[in-house]
mmCIF file of all heavy atoms, coordinates in Angstrom:
data_MODEL
# 
_entry.id   MODEL 
# 
loop_
_atom_site.group_PDB 
_atom_site.id 
_atom_site.type_symbol 
_atom_site.label_atom_id 
_atom_site.label_alt_id 
_atom_site.label_comp_id 
_atom_site.label_asym_id 
_atom_site.label_entity_id 
_atom_site.label_seq_id 
_atom_site.pdbx_PDB_ins_code 
_atom_site.Cartn_x 
_atom_site.Cartn_y 
_atom_site.Cartn_z 
_atom_site.occupancy 
_atom_site.B_iso_or_equiv 
_atom_site.pdbx_formal_charge 
_atom_site.auth_seq_id 
_atom_site.auth_comp_id 
_atom_site.auth_asym_id 
_atom_site.auth_atom_id 
_atom_site.pdbx_PDB_model_num 
ATOM 1   N N   . ALA A 1 1  ? 14.947 -23.180 -40.699 1.00 0.00 ? 1  ALA A N   1 
ATOM 2   C CA  . ALA A 1 1  ? 14.741 -22.537 -39.434 1.00 0.00 ? 1  ALA A CA  1 
ATOM 3   C C   . ALA A 1 1  ? 15.216 -23.368 -38.244 1.00 0.00 ? 1  ALA A C   1 
ATOM 4   O O   . ALA A 1 1  ? 14.647 -23.191 -37.116 1.00 0.00 ? 1  ALA A O   1 
ATOM 5   C CB  . ALA A 1 1  ? 13.232 -22.116 -39.283 1.00 0.00 ? 1  ALA A CB  1 
ATOM 6   N N   . CYS A 1 2  ? 16.107 -24.219 -38.438 1.00 0.00 ? 2  CYS A N   1 
ATOM 7   C CA  . CYS A 1 2  ? 16.743 -24.921 -37.434 1.00 0.00 ? 2  CYS A CA  1 
ATOM 8   C C   . CYS A 1 2  ? 18.197 -25.004 -37.832 1.00 0.00 ? 2  CYS A C   1 
ATOM 9   O O   . CYS A 1 2  ? 18.494 -25.226 -38.993 1.00 0.00 ? 2  CYS A O   1 
ATOM 10  C CB  . CYS A 1 2  ? 16.245 -26.352 -37.195 1.00 0.00 ? 2  CYS A CB  1 
ATOM 11  S SG  . CYS A 1 2  ? 17.240 -27.466 -36.171 1.00 0.00 ? 2  CYS A SG  1 
ATOM 12  N N   . THR A 1 3  ? 19.186 -24.715 -36.882 1.00 0.00 ? 3  THR A N   1 
ATOM 13  C CA  . THR A 1 3  ? 20.619 -24.591 -37.359 1.00 0.00 ? 3  THR A CA  1 
ATOM 14  C C   . THR A 1 3  ? 21.134 -25.898 -37.815 1.00 0.00 ? 3  THR A C   1 
ATOM 15  O O   . THR A 1 3  ? 22.298 -25.973 -38.417 1.00 0.00 ? 3  THR A O   1 
ATOM 16  C CB  . THR A 1 3  ? 21.426 -24.013 -36.200 1.00 0.00 ? 3  THR A CB  1 
ATOM 17  O OG1 . THR A 1 3  ? 21.028 -24.638 -34.980 1.00 0.00 ? 3  THR A OG1 1 
ATOM 18  C CG2 . THR A 1 3  ? 21.183 -22.561 -36.180 1.00 0.00 ? 3  THR A CG2 1 
ATOM 19  N N   . GLU A 1 4  ? 20.386 -27.016 -37.740 1.00 0.00 ? 4  GLU A N   1 
ATOM 20  C CA  . GLU A 1 4  ? 20.827 -28.308 -38.335 1.00 0.00 ? 4  GLU A CA  1 
ATOM 21  C C   . GLU A 1 4  ? 20.408 -28.472 -39.753 1.00 0.00 ? 4  GLU A C   1 
ATOM 22  O O   . GLU A 1 4  ? 21.053 -29.119 -40.571 1.00 0.00 ? 4  GLU A O   1 
ATOM 23  C CB  . GLU A 1 4  ? 20.346 -29.509 -37.502 1.00 0.00 ? 4  GLU A CB  1 
ATOM 24  C CG  . GLU A 1 4  ? 21.188 -29.979 -36.367 1.00 0.00 ? 4  GLU A CG  1 
ATOM 25  C CD  . GLU A 1 4  ? 21.190 -29.048 -35.170 1.00 0.00 ? 4  GLU A CD  1 
ATOM 26  O OE1 . GLU A 1 4  ? 20.151 -28.475 -34.900 1.00 0.00 ? 4  GLU A OE1 1 
ATOM 27  O OE2 . GLU A 1 4  ? 22.178 -28.963 -34.451 1.00 0.00 ? 4  GLU A OE2 1 
ATOM 28  N N   . ILE A 1 5  ? 19.304 -27.814 -40.086 1.00 0.00 ? 5  ILE A N   1 
ATOM 29  C CA  . ILE A 1 5  ? 18.806 -27.951 -41.456 1.00 0.00 ? 5  ILE A CA  1 
ATOM 30  C C   . ILE A 1 5  ? 19.755 -27.547 -42.597 1.00 0.00 ? 5  ILE A C   1 
ATOM 31  O O   . ILE A 1 5  ? 19.844 -28.223 -43.633 1.00 0.00 ? 5  ILE A O   1 
ATOM 32  C CB  . ILE A 1 5  ? 17.399 -27.248 -41.585 1.00 0.00 ? 5  ILE A CB  1 
ATOM 33  C CG1 . ILE A 1 5  ? 16.418 -27.935 -40.664 1.00 0.00 ? 5  ILE A CG1 1 
ATOM 34  C CG2 . ILE A 1 5  ? 16.960 -27.220 -43.032 1.00 0.00 ? 5  ILE A CG2 1 
ATOM 35  C CD1 . ILE A 1 5  ? 16.082 -29.365 -41.018 1.00 0.00 ? 5  ILE A CD1 1 
ATOM 36  N N   . PRO A 1 6  ? 20.427 -26.334 -42.430 1.00 0.00 ? 6  PRO A N   1 
ATOM 37  C CA  . PRO A 1 6  ? 21.401 -25.991 -43.522 1.00 0.00 ? 6  PRO A CA  1 
ATOM 38  C C   . PRO A 1 6  ? 22.460 -27.142 -43.870 1.00 0.00 ? 6  PRO A C   1 
ATOM 39  O O   . PRO A 1 6  ? 22.871 -27.156 -44.972 1.00 0.00 ? 6  PRO A O   1 
ATOM 40  C CB  . PRO A 1 6  ? 22.064 -24.791 -43.013 1.00 0.00 ? 6  PRO A CB  1 
ATOM 41  C CG  . PRO A 1 6  ? 21.079 -24.164 -42.028 1.00 0.00 ? 6  PRO A CG  1 
ATOM 42  C CD  . PRO A 1 6  ? 20.383 -25.334 -41.421 1.00 0.00 ? 6  PRO A CD  1 
ATOM 43  N N   . ILE A 1 7  ? 22.702 -27.961 -42.855 1.00 0.00 ? 7  ILE A N   1 
ATOM 44  C CA  . ILE A 1 7  ? 23.735 -29.013 -43.067 1.00 0.00 ? 7  ILE A CA  1 
ATOM 45  C C   . ILE A 1 7  ? 23.135 -30.045 -44.051 1.00 0.00 ? 7  ILE A C   1 
ATOM 46  O O   . ILE A 1 7  ? 23.854 -30.824 -44.744 1.00 0.00 ? 7  ILE A O   1 
ATOM 47  C CB  . ILE A 1 7  ? 24.151 -29.605 -41.736 1.00 0.00 ? 7  ILE A CB  1 
ATOM 48  C CG1 . ILE A 1 7  ? 24.759 -28.540 -40.855 1.00 0.00 ? 7  ILE A CG1 1 
ATOM 49  C CG2 . ILE A 1 7  ? 25.119 -30.790 -41.896 1.00 0.00 ? 7  ILE A CG2 1 
ATOM 50  C CD1 . ILE A 1 7  ? 25.022 -28.757 -39.499 1.00 0.00 ? 7  ILE A CD1 1 
ATOM 51  N N   . LEU A 1 8  ? 21.788 -30.088 -44.137 1.00 0.00 ? 8  LEU A N   1 
ATOM 52  C CA  . LEU A 1 8  ? 21.073 -31.035 -45.052 1.00 0.00 ? 8  LEU A CA  1 
ATOM 53  C C   . LEU A 1 8  ? 20.894 -30.478 -46.462 1.00 0.00 ? 8  LEU A C   1 
ATOM 54  O O   . LEU A 1 8  ? 20.661 -31.204 -47.367 1.00 0.00 ? 8  LEU A O   1 
ATOM 55  C CB  . LEU A 1 8  ? 19.785 -31.471 -44.505 1.00 0.00 ? 8  LEU A CB  1 
ATOM 56  C CG  . LEU A 1 8  ? 19.738 -32.473 -43.312 1.00 0.00 ? 8  LEU A CG  1 
ATOM 57  C CD1 . LEU A 1 8  ? 18.425 -32.339 -42.463 1.00 0.00 ? 8  LEU A CD1 1 
ATOM 58  C CD2 . LEU A 1 8  ? 19.873 -33.835 -43.849 1.00 0.00 ? 8  LEU A CD2 1 
ATOM 59  N N   . LEU A 1 9  ? 20.981 -29.110 -46.565 1.00 0.00 ? 9  LEU A N   1 
ATOM 60  C CA  . LEU A 1 9  ? 20.677 -28.486 -47.846 1.00 0.00 ? 9  LEU A CA  1 
ATOM 61  C C   . LEU A 1 9  ? 21.563 -28.972 -48.994 1.00 0.00 ? 9  LEU A C   1 
ATOM 62  O O   . LEU A 1 9  ? 20.983 -29.032 -50.154 1.00 0.00 ? 9  LEU A O   1 
ATOM 63  C CB  . LEU A 1 9  ? 20.696 -26.951 -47.663 1.00 0.00 ? 9  LEU A CB  1 
ATOM 64  C CG  . LEU A 1 9  ? 19.683 -26.360 -46.767 1.00 0.00 ? 9  LEU A CG  1 
ATOM 65  C CD1 . LEU A 1 9  ? 19.737 -24.842 -46.817 1.00 0.00 ? 9  LEU A CD1 1 
ATOM 66  C CD2 . LEU A 1 9  ? 18.275 -26.823 -47.093 1.00 0.00 ? 9  LEU A CD2 1 
ATOM 67  N N   . PRO A 1 10 ? 22.812 -29.235 -48.811 1.00 0.00 ? 10 PRO A N   1 
ATOM 68  C CA  . PRO A 1 10 ? 23.570 -29.707 -49.962 1.00 0.00 ? 10 PRO A CA  1 
ATOM 69  C C   . PRO A 1 10 ? 23.127 -31.028 -50.547 1.00 0.00 ? 10 PRO A C   1 
ATOM 70  O O   . PRO A 1 10 ? 23.475 -31.394 -51.712 1.00 0.00 ? 10 PRO A O   1 
ATOM 71  C CB  . PRO A 1 10 ? 25.033 -29.854 -49.376 1.00 0.00 ? 10 PRO A CB  1 
ATOM 72  C CG  . PRO A 1 10 ? 25.089 -28.940 -48.228 1.00 0.00 ? 10 PRO A CG  1 
ATOM 73  C CD  . PRO A 1 10 ? 23.686 -28.947 -47.670 1.00 0.00 ? 10 PRO A CD  1 
ATOM 74  N N   . TYR A 1 11 ? 22.300 -31.745 -49.791 1.00 0.00 ? 11 TYR A N   1 
ATOM 75  C CA  . TYR A 1 11 ? 21.776 -33.045 -50.334 1.00 0.00 ? 11 TYR A CA  1 
ATOM 76  C C   . TYR A 1 11 ? 20.450 -32.857 -51.002 1.00 0.00 ? 11 TYR A C   1 
ATOM 77  O O   . TYR A 1 11 ? 19.917 -33.860 -51.516 1.00 0.00 ? 11 TYR A O   1 
ATOM 78  C CB  . TYR A 1 11 ? 21.586 -33.978 -49.056 1.00 0.00 ? 11 TYR A CB  1 
ATOM 79  C CG  . TYR A 1 11 ? 22.833 -34.365 -48.358 1.00 0.00 ? 11 TYR A CG  1 
ATOM 80  C CD1 . TYR A 1 11 ? 23.379 -33.613 -47.321 1.00 0.00 ? 11 TYR A CD1 1 
ATOM 81  C CD2 . TYR A 1 11 ? 23.526 -35.470 -48.741 1.00 0.00 ? 11 TYR A CD2 1 
ATOM 82  C CE1 . TYR A 1 11 ? 24.506 -33.880 -46.607 1.00 0.00 ? 11 TYR A CE1 1 
ATOM 83  C CE2 . TYR A 1 11 ? 24.725 -35.851 -48.123 1.00 0.00 ? 11 TYR A CE2 1 
ATOM 84  C CZ  . TYR A 1 11 ? 25.207 -35.031 -47.080 1.00 0.00 ? 11 TYR A CZ  1 
ATOM 85  O OH  . TYR A 1 11 ? 26.366 -35.417 -46.428 1.00 0.00 ? 11 TYR A OH  1 
ATOM 86  N N   . LEU A 1 12 ? 19.931 -31.696 -51.133 1.00 0.00 ? 12 LEU A N   1 
ATOM 87  C CA  . LEU A 1 12 ? 18.693 -31.482 -51.849 1.00 0.00 ? 12 LEU A CA  1 
ATOM 88  C C   . LEU A 1 12 ? 18.708 -31.818 -53.261 1.00 0.00 ? 12 LEU A C   1 
ATOM 89  O O   . LEU A 1 12 ? 19.686 -31.373 -53.999 1.00 0.00 ? 12 LEU A O   1 
ATOM 90  C CB  . LEU A 1 12 ? 18.152 -30.020 -51.661 1.00 0.00 ? 12 LEU A CB  1 
ATOM 91  C CG  . LEU A 1 12 ? 17.273 -29.644 -50.468 1.00 0.00 ? 12 LEU A CG  1 
ATOM 92  C CD1 . LEU A 1 12 ? 16.932 -28.210 -50.583 1.00 0.00 ? 12 LEU A CD1 1 
ATOM 93  C CD2 . LEU A 1 12 ? 16.046 -30.470 -50.472 1.00 0.00 ? 12 LEU A CD2 1 
ATOM 94  N N   . LYS A 1 13 ? 17.710 -32.551 -53.789 1.00 0.00 ? 13 LYS A N   1 
ATOM 95  C CA  . LYS A 1 13 ? 17.685 -32.885 -55.239 1.00 0.00 ? 13 LYS A CA  1 
ATOM 96  C C   . LYS A 1 13 ? 16.704 -31.977 -55.916 1.00 0.00 ? 13 LYS A C   1 
ATOM 97  O O   . LYS A 1 13 ? 16.886 -31.742 -57.193 1.00 0.00 ? 13 LYS A O   1 
ATOM 98  C CB  . LYS A 1 13 ? 17.264 -34.324 -55.430 1.00 0.00 ? 13 LYS A CB  1 
ATOM 99  C CG  . LYS A 1 13 ? 18.293 -35.336 -54.854 1.00 0.00 ? 13 LYS A CG  1 
ATOM 100 C CD  . LYS A 1 13 ? 17.931 -36.761 -55.026 1.00 0.00 ? 13 LYS A CD  1 
ATOM 101 C CE  . LYS A 1 13 ? 18.994 -37.700 -54.493 1.00 0.00 ? 13 LYS A CE  1 
ATOM 102 N NZ  . LYS A 1 13 ? 18.504 -39.150 -54.633 1.00 0.00 ? 13 LYS A NZ  1 
ATOM 103 N N   . LYS A 1 14 ? 15.725 -31.455 -55.194 1.00 0.00 ? 14 LYS A N   1 
ATOM 104 C CA  . LYS A 1 14 ? 14.706 -30.523 -55.856 1.00 0.00 ? 14 LYS A CA  1 
ATOM 105 C C   . LYS A 1 14 ? 15.219 -29.158 -55.780 1.00 0.00 ? 14 LYS A C   1 
ATOM 106 O O   . LYS A 1 14 ? 15.753 -28.680 -54.814 1.00 0.00 ? 14 LYS A O   1 
ATOM 107 C CB  . LYS A 1 14 ? 13.380 -30.727 -55.041 1.00 0.00 ? 14 LYS A CB  1 
ATOM 108 C CG  . LYS A 1 14 ? 12.224 -29.963 -55.607 1.00 0.00 ? 14 LYS A CG  1 
ATOM 109 C CD  . LYS A 1 14 ? 10.998 -30.179 -54.750 1.00 0.00 ? 14 LYS A CD  1 
ATOM 110 C CE  . LYS A 1 14 ? 9.818  -29.352 -55.281 1.00 0.00 ? 14 LYS A CE  1 
ATOM 111 N NZ  . LYS A 1 14 ? 8.635  -29.593 -54.452 1.00 0.00 ? 14 LYS A NZ  1 
ATOM 112 N N   . ASP A 1 15 ? 14.994 -28.382 -56.901 1.00 0.00 ? 15 ASP A N   1 
ATOM 113 C CA  . ASP A 1 15 ? 15.394 -26.939 -56.869 1.00 0.00 ? 15 ASP A CA  1 
ATOM 114 C C   . ASP A 1 15 ? 14.300 -26.114 -56.280 1.00 0.00 ? 15 ASP A C   1 
ATOM 115 O O   . ASP A 1 15 ? 13.292 -25.775 -56.901 1.00 0.00 ? 15 ASP A O   1 
ATOM 116 C CB  . ASP A 1 15 ? 15.538 -26.600 -58.402 1.00 0.00 ? 15 ASP A CB  1 
ATOM 117 C CG  . ASP A 1 15 ? 16.068 -25.139 -58.477 1.00 0.00 ? 15 ASP A CG  1 
ATOM 118 O OD1 . ASP A 1 15 ? 16.661 -24.663 -57.464 1.00 0.00 ? 15 ASP A OD1 1 
ATOM 119 O OD2 . ASP A 1 15 ? 15.973 -24.513 -59.524 1.00 0.00 ? 15 ASP A OD2 1 
ATOM 120 N N   . VAL A 1 16 ? 14.502 -25.747 -54.977 1.00 0.00 ? 16 VAL A N   1 
ATOM 121 C CA  . VAL A 1 16 ? 13.522 -24.973 -54.236 1.00 0.00 ? 16 VAL A CA  1 
ATOM 122 C C   . VAL A 1 16 ? 14.230 -23.749 -53.723 1.00 0.00 ? 16 VAL A C   1 
ATOM 123 O O   . VAL A 1 16 ? 15.483 -23.707 -53.566 1.00 0.00 ? 16 VAL A O   1 
ATOM 124 C CB  . VAL A 1 16 ? 12.922 -25.780 -53.087 1.00 0.00 ? 16 VAL A CB  1 
ATOM 125 C CG1 . VAL A 1 16 ? 12.104 -26.945 -53.612 1.00 0.00 ? 16 VAL A CG1 1 
ATOM 126 C CG2 . VAL A 1 16 ? 13.988 -26.308 -52.116 1.00 0.00 ? 16 VAL A CG2 1 
ATOM 127 N N   . LYS A 1 17 ? 13.401 -22.722 -53.438 1.00 0.00 ? 17 LYS A N   1 
ATOM 128 C CA  . LYS A 1 17 ? 14.017 -21.507 -52.893 1.00 0.00 ? 17 LYS A CA  1 
ATOM 129 C C   . LYS A 1 17 ? 14.117 -21.599 -51.328 1.00 0.00 ? 17 LYS A C   1 
ATOM 130 O O   . LYS A 1 17 ? 13.067 -21.706 -50.681 1.00 0.00 ? 17 LYS A O   1 
ATOM 131 C CB  . LYS A 1 17 ? 13.105 -20.335 -53.299 1.00 0.00 ? 17 LYS A CB  1 
ATOM 132 C CG  . LYS A 1 17 ? 13.038 -20.106 -54.774 1.00 0.00 ? 17 LYS A CG  1 
ATOM 133 C CD  . LYS A 1 17 ? 12.004 -19.053 -55.123 1.00 0.00 ? 17 LYS A CD  1 
ATOM 134 C CE  . LYS A 1 17 ? 11.947 -18.795 -56.684 1.00 0.00 ? 17 LYS A CE  1 
ATOM 135 N NZ  . LYS A 1 17 ? 10.874 -17.897 -57.093 1.00 0.00 ? 17 LYS A NZ  1 
ATOM 136 N N   . PHE A 1 18 ? 15.319 -21.659 -50.870 1.00 0.00 ? 18 PHE A N   1 
ATOM 137 C CA  . PHE A 1 18 ? 15.560 -21.771 -49.461 1.00 0.00 ? 18 PHE A CA  1 
ATOM 138 C C   . PHE A 1 18 ? 16.238 -20.525 -48.859 1.00 0.00 ? 18 PHE A C   1 
ATOM 139 O O   . PHE A 1 18 ? 17.170 -20.020 -49.492 1.00 0.00 ? 18 PHE A O   1 
ATOM 140 C CB  . PHE A 1 18 ? 16.486 -22.959 -49.195 1.00 0.00 ? 18 PHE A CB  1 
ATOM 141 C CG  . PHE A 1 18 ? 15.739 -24.110 -48.419 1.00 0.00 ? 18 PHE A CG  1 
ATOM 142 C CD1 . PHE A 1 18 ? 15.284 -25.224 -49.109 1.00 0.00 ? 18 PHE A CD1 1 
ATOM 143 C CD2 . PHE A 1 18 ? 15.538 -24.002 -47.087 1.00 0.00 ? 18 PHE A CD2 1 
ATOM 144 C CE1 . PHE A 1 18 ? 14.689 -26.244 -48.433 1.00 0.00 ? 18 PHE A CE1 1 
ATOM 145 C CE2 . PHE A 1 18 ? 14.895 -25.070 -46.399 1.00 0.00 ? 18 PHE A CE2 1 
ATOM 146 C CZ  . PHE A 1 18 ? 14.469 -26.133 -47.055 1.00 0.00 ? 18 PHE A CZ  1 
ATOM 147 N N   . ILE A 1 19 ? 15.763 -20.071 -47.745 1.00 0.00 ? 19 ILE A N   1 
ATOM 148 C CA  . ILE A 1 19 ? 16.494 -19.067 -46.969 1.00 0.00 ? 19 ILE A CA  1 
ATOM 149 C C   . ILE A 1 19 ? 17.261 -19.821 -45.841 1.00 0.00 ? 19 ILE A C   1 
ATOM 150 O O   . ILE A 1 19 ? 16.605 -20.486 -45.042 1.00 0.00 ? 19 ILE A O   1 
ATOM 151 C CB  . ILE A 1 19 ? 15.569 -17.970 -46.346 1.00 0.00 ? 19 ILE A CB  1 
ATOM 152 C CG1 . ILE A 1 19 ? 15.066 -17.015 -47.402 1.00 0.00 ? 19 ILE A CG1 1 
ATOM 153 C CG2 . ILE A 1 19 ? 16.282 -17.221 -45.241 1.00 0.00 ? 19 ILE A CG2 1 
ATOM 154 C CD1 . ILE A 1 19 ? 16.195 -16.042 -47.971 1.00 0.00 ? 19 ILE A CD1 1 
ATOM 155 N N   . ASP A 1 20 ? 18.576 -19.723 -45.879 1.00 0.00 ? 20 ASP A N   1 
ATOM 156 C CA  . ASP A 1 20 ? 19.299 -20.363 -44.808 1.00 0.00 ? 20 ASP A CA  1 
ATOM 157 C C   . ASP A 1 20 ? 19.448 -19.374 -43.656 1.00 0.00 ? 20 ASP A C   1 
ATOM 158 O O   . ASP A 1 20 ? 20.181 -18.426 -43.694 1.00 0.00 ? 20 ASP A O   1 
ATOM 159 C CB  . ASP A 1 20 ? 20.752 -20.720 -45.440 1.00 0.00 ? 20 ASP A CB  1 
ATOM 160 C CG  . ASP A 1 20 ? 21.698 -21.281 -44.449 1.00 0.00 ? 20 ASP A CG  1 
ATOM 161 O OD1 . ASP A 1 20 ? 21.394 -21.320 -43.208 1.00 0.00 ? 20 ASP A OD1 1 
ATOM 162 O OD2 . ASP A 1 20 ? 22.773 -21.846 -44.818 1.00 0.00 ? 20 ASP A OD2 1 
ATOM 163 N N   . ALA A 1 21 ? 18.629 -19.675 -42.548 1.00 0.00 ? 21 ALA A N   1 
ATOM 164 C CA  . ALA A 1 21 ? 18.614 -18.770 -41.420 1.00 0.00 ? 21 ALA A CA  1 
ATOM 165 C C   . ALA A 1 21 ? 20.047 -18.590 -40.847 1.00 0.00 ? 21 ALA A C   1 
ATOM 166 O O   . ALA A 1 21 ? 20.381 -17.517 -40.370 1.00 0.00 ? 21 ALA A O   1 
ATOM 167 C CB  . ALA A 1 21 ? 17.646 -19.328 -40.417 1.00 0.00 ? 21 ALA A CB  1 
ATOM 168 N N   . THR A 1 22 ? 20.802 -19.686 -40.825 1.00 0.00 ? 22 THR A N   1 
ATOM 169 C CA  . THR A 1 22 ? 22.146 -19.574 -40.260 1.00 0.00 ? 22 THR A CA  1 
ATOM 170 C C   . THR A 1 22 ? 23.020 -18.586 -41.067 1.00 0.00 ? 22 THR A C   1 
ATOM 171 O O   . THR A 1 22 ? 23.725 -17.796 -40.523 1.00 0.00 ? 22 THR A O   1 
ATOM 172 C CB  . THR A 1 22 ? 22.844 -20.938 -40.299 1.00 0.00 ? 22 THR A CB  1 
ATOM 173 O OG1 . THR A 1 22 ? 22.016 -21.841 -39.499 1.00 0.00 ? 22 THR A OG1 1 
ATOM 174 C CG2 . THR A 1 22 ? 24.185 -20.892 -39.569 1.00 0.00 ? 22 THR A CG2 1 
ATOM 175 N N   . GLU A 1 23 ? 22.879 -18.654 -42.387 1.00 0.00 ? 23 GLU A N   1 
ATOM 176 C CA  . GLU A 1 23 ? 23.606 -17.688 -43.235 1.00 0.00 ? 23 GLU A CA  1 
ATOM 177 C C   . GLU A 1 23 ? 23.199 -16.235 -43.005 1.00 0.00 ? 23 GLU A C   1 
ATOM 178 O O   . GLU A 1 23 ? 23.970 -15.340 -42.960 1.00 0.00 ? 23 GLU A O   1 
ATOM 179 C CB  . GLU A 1 23 ? 23.434 -18.089 -44.672 1.00 0.00 ? 23 GLU A CB  1 
ATOM 180 C CG  . GLU A 1 23 ? 24.310 -17.201 -45.655 1.00 0.00 ? 23 GLU A CG  1 
ATOM 181 C CD  . GLU A 1 23 ? 24.340 -17.711 -47.081 1.00 0.00 ? 23 GLU A CD  1 
ATOM 182 O OE1 . GLU A 1 23 ? 24.098 -18.969 -47.256 1.00 0.00 ? 23 GLU A OE1 1 
ATOM 183 O OE2 . GLU A 1 23 ? 24.717 -16.933 -47.950 1.00 0.00 ? 23 GLU A OE2 1 
ATOM 184 N N   . GLU A 1 24 ? 21.903 -16.066 -42.849 1.00 0.00 ? 24 GLU A N   1 
ATOM 185 C CA  . GLU A 1 24 ? 21.356 -14.660 -42.620 1.00 0.00 ? 24 GLU A CA  1 
ATOM 186 C C   . GLU A 1 24 ? 21.861 -14.210 -41.249 1.00 0.00 ? 24 GLU A C   1 
ATOM 187 O O   . GLU A 1 24 ? 22.238 -13.004 -41.077 1.00 0.00 ? 24 GLU A O   1 
ATOM 188 C CB  . GLU A 1 24 ? 19.851 -14.693 -42.596 1.00 0.00 ? 24 GLU A CB  1 
ATOM 189 C CG  . GLU A 1 24 ? 19.278 -15.050 -44.042 1.00 0.00 ? 24 GLU A CG  1 
ATOM 190 C CD  . GLU A 1 24 ? 19.906 -14.230 -45.135 1.00 0.00 ? 24 GLU A CD  1 
ATOM 191 O OE1 . GLU A 1 24 ? 20.164 -13.100 -45.004 1.00 0.00 ? 24 GLU A OE1 1 
ATOM 192 O OE2 . GLU A 1 24 ? 20.059 -14.929 -46.205 1.00 0.00 ? 24 GLU A OE2 1 
ATOM 193 N N   . LEU A 1 25 ? 21.945 -15.100 -40.249 1.00 0.00 ? 25 LEU A N   1 
ATOM 194 C CA  . LEU A 1 25 ? 22.527 -14.707 -38.960 1.00 0.00 ? 25 LEU A CA  1 
ATOM 195 C C   . LEU A 1 25 ? 24.008 -14.416 -39.071 1.00 0.00 ? 25 LEU A C   1 
ATOM 196 O O   . LEU A 1 25 ? 24.515 -13.375 -38.493 1.00 0.00 ? 25 LEU A O   1 
ATOM 197 C CB  . LEU A 1 25 ? 22.329 -15.859 -37.937 1.00 0.00 ? 25 LEU A CB  1 
ATOM 198 C CG  . LEU A 1 25 ? 22.889 -15.565 -36.490 1.00 0.00 ? 25 LEU A CG  1 
ATOM 199 C CD1 . LEU A 1 25 ? 22.312 -14.291 -35.913 1.00 0.00 ? 25 LEU A CD1 1 
ATOM 200 C CD2 . LEU A 1 25 ? 22.653 -16.772 -35.647 1.00 0.00 ? 25 LEU A CD2 1 
ATOM 201 N N   . ALA A 1 26 ? 24.702 -15.124 -39.867 1.00 0.00 ? 26 ALA A N   1 
ATOM 202 C CA  . ALA A 1 26 ? 26.156 -14.858 -40.075 1.00 0.00 ? 26 ALA A CA  1 
ATOM 203 C C   . ALA A 1 26 ? 26.310 -13.541 -40.752 1.00 0.00 ? 26 ALA A C   1 
ATOM 204 O O   . ALA A 1 26 ? 27.193 -12.756 -40.362 1.00 0.00 ? 26 ALA A O   1 
ATOM 205 C CB  . ALA A 1 26 ? 26.731 -15.937 -40.950 1.00 0.00 ? 26 ALA A CB  1 
# 
């Protein structure tokens, strides 16, 4: 829920369910 956070998502090691707010806006 911050447009900087999706830029960090590719670095996630844990398999969690994420909604990318930027992608939903797109």
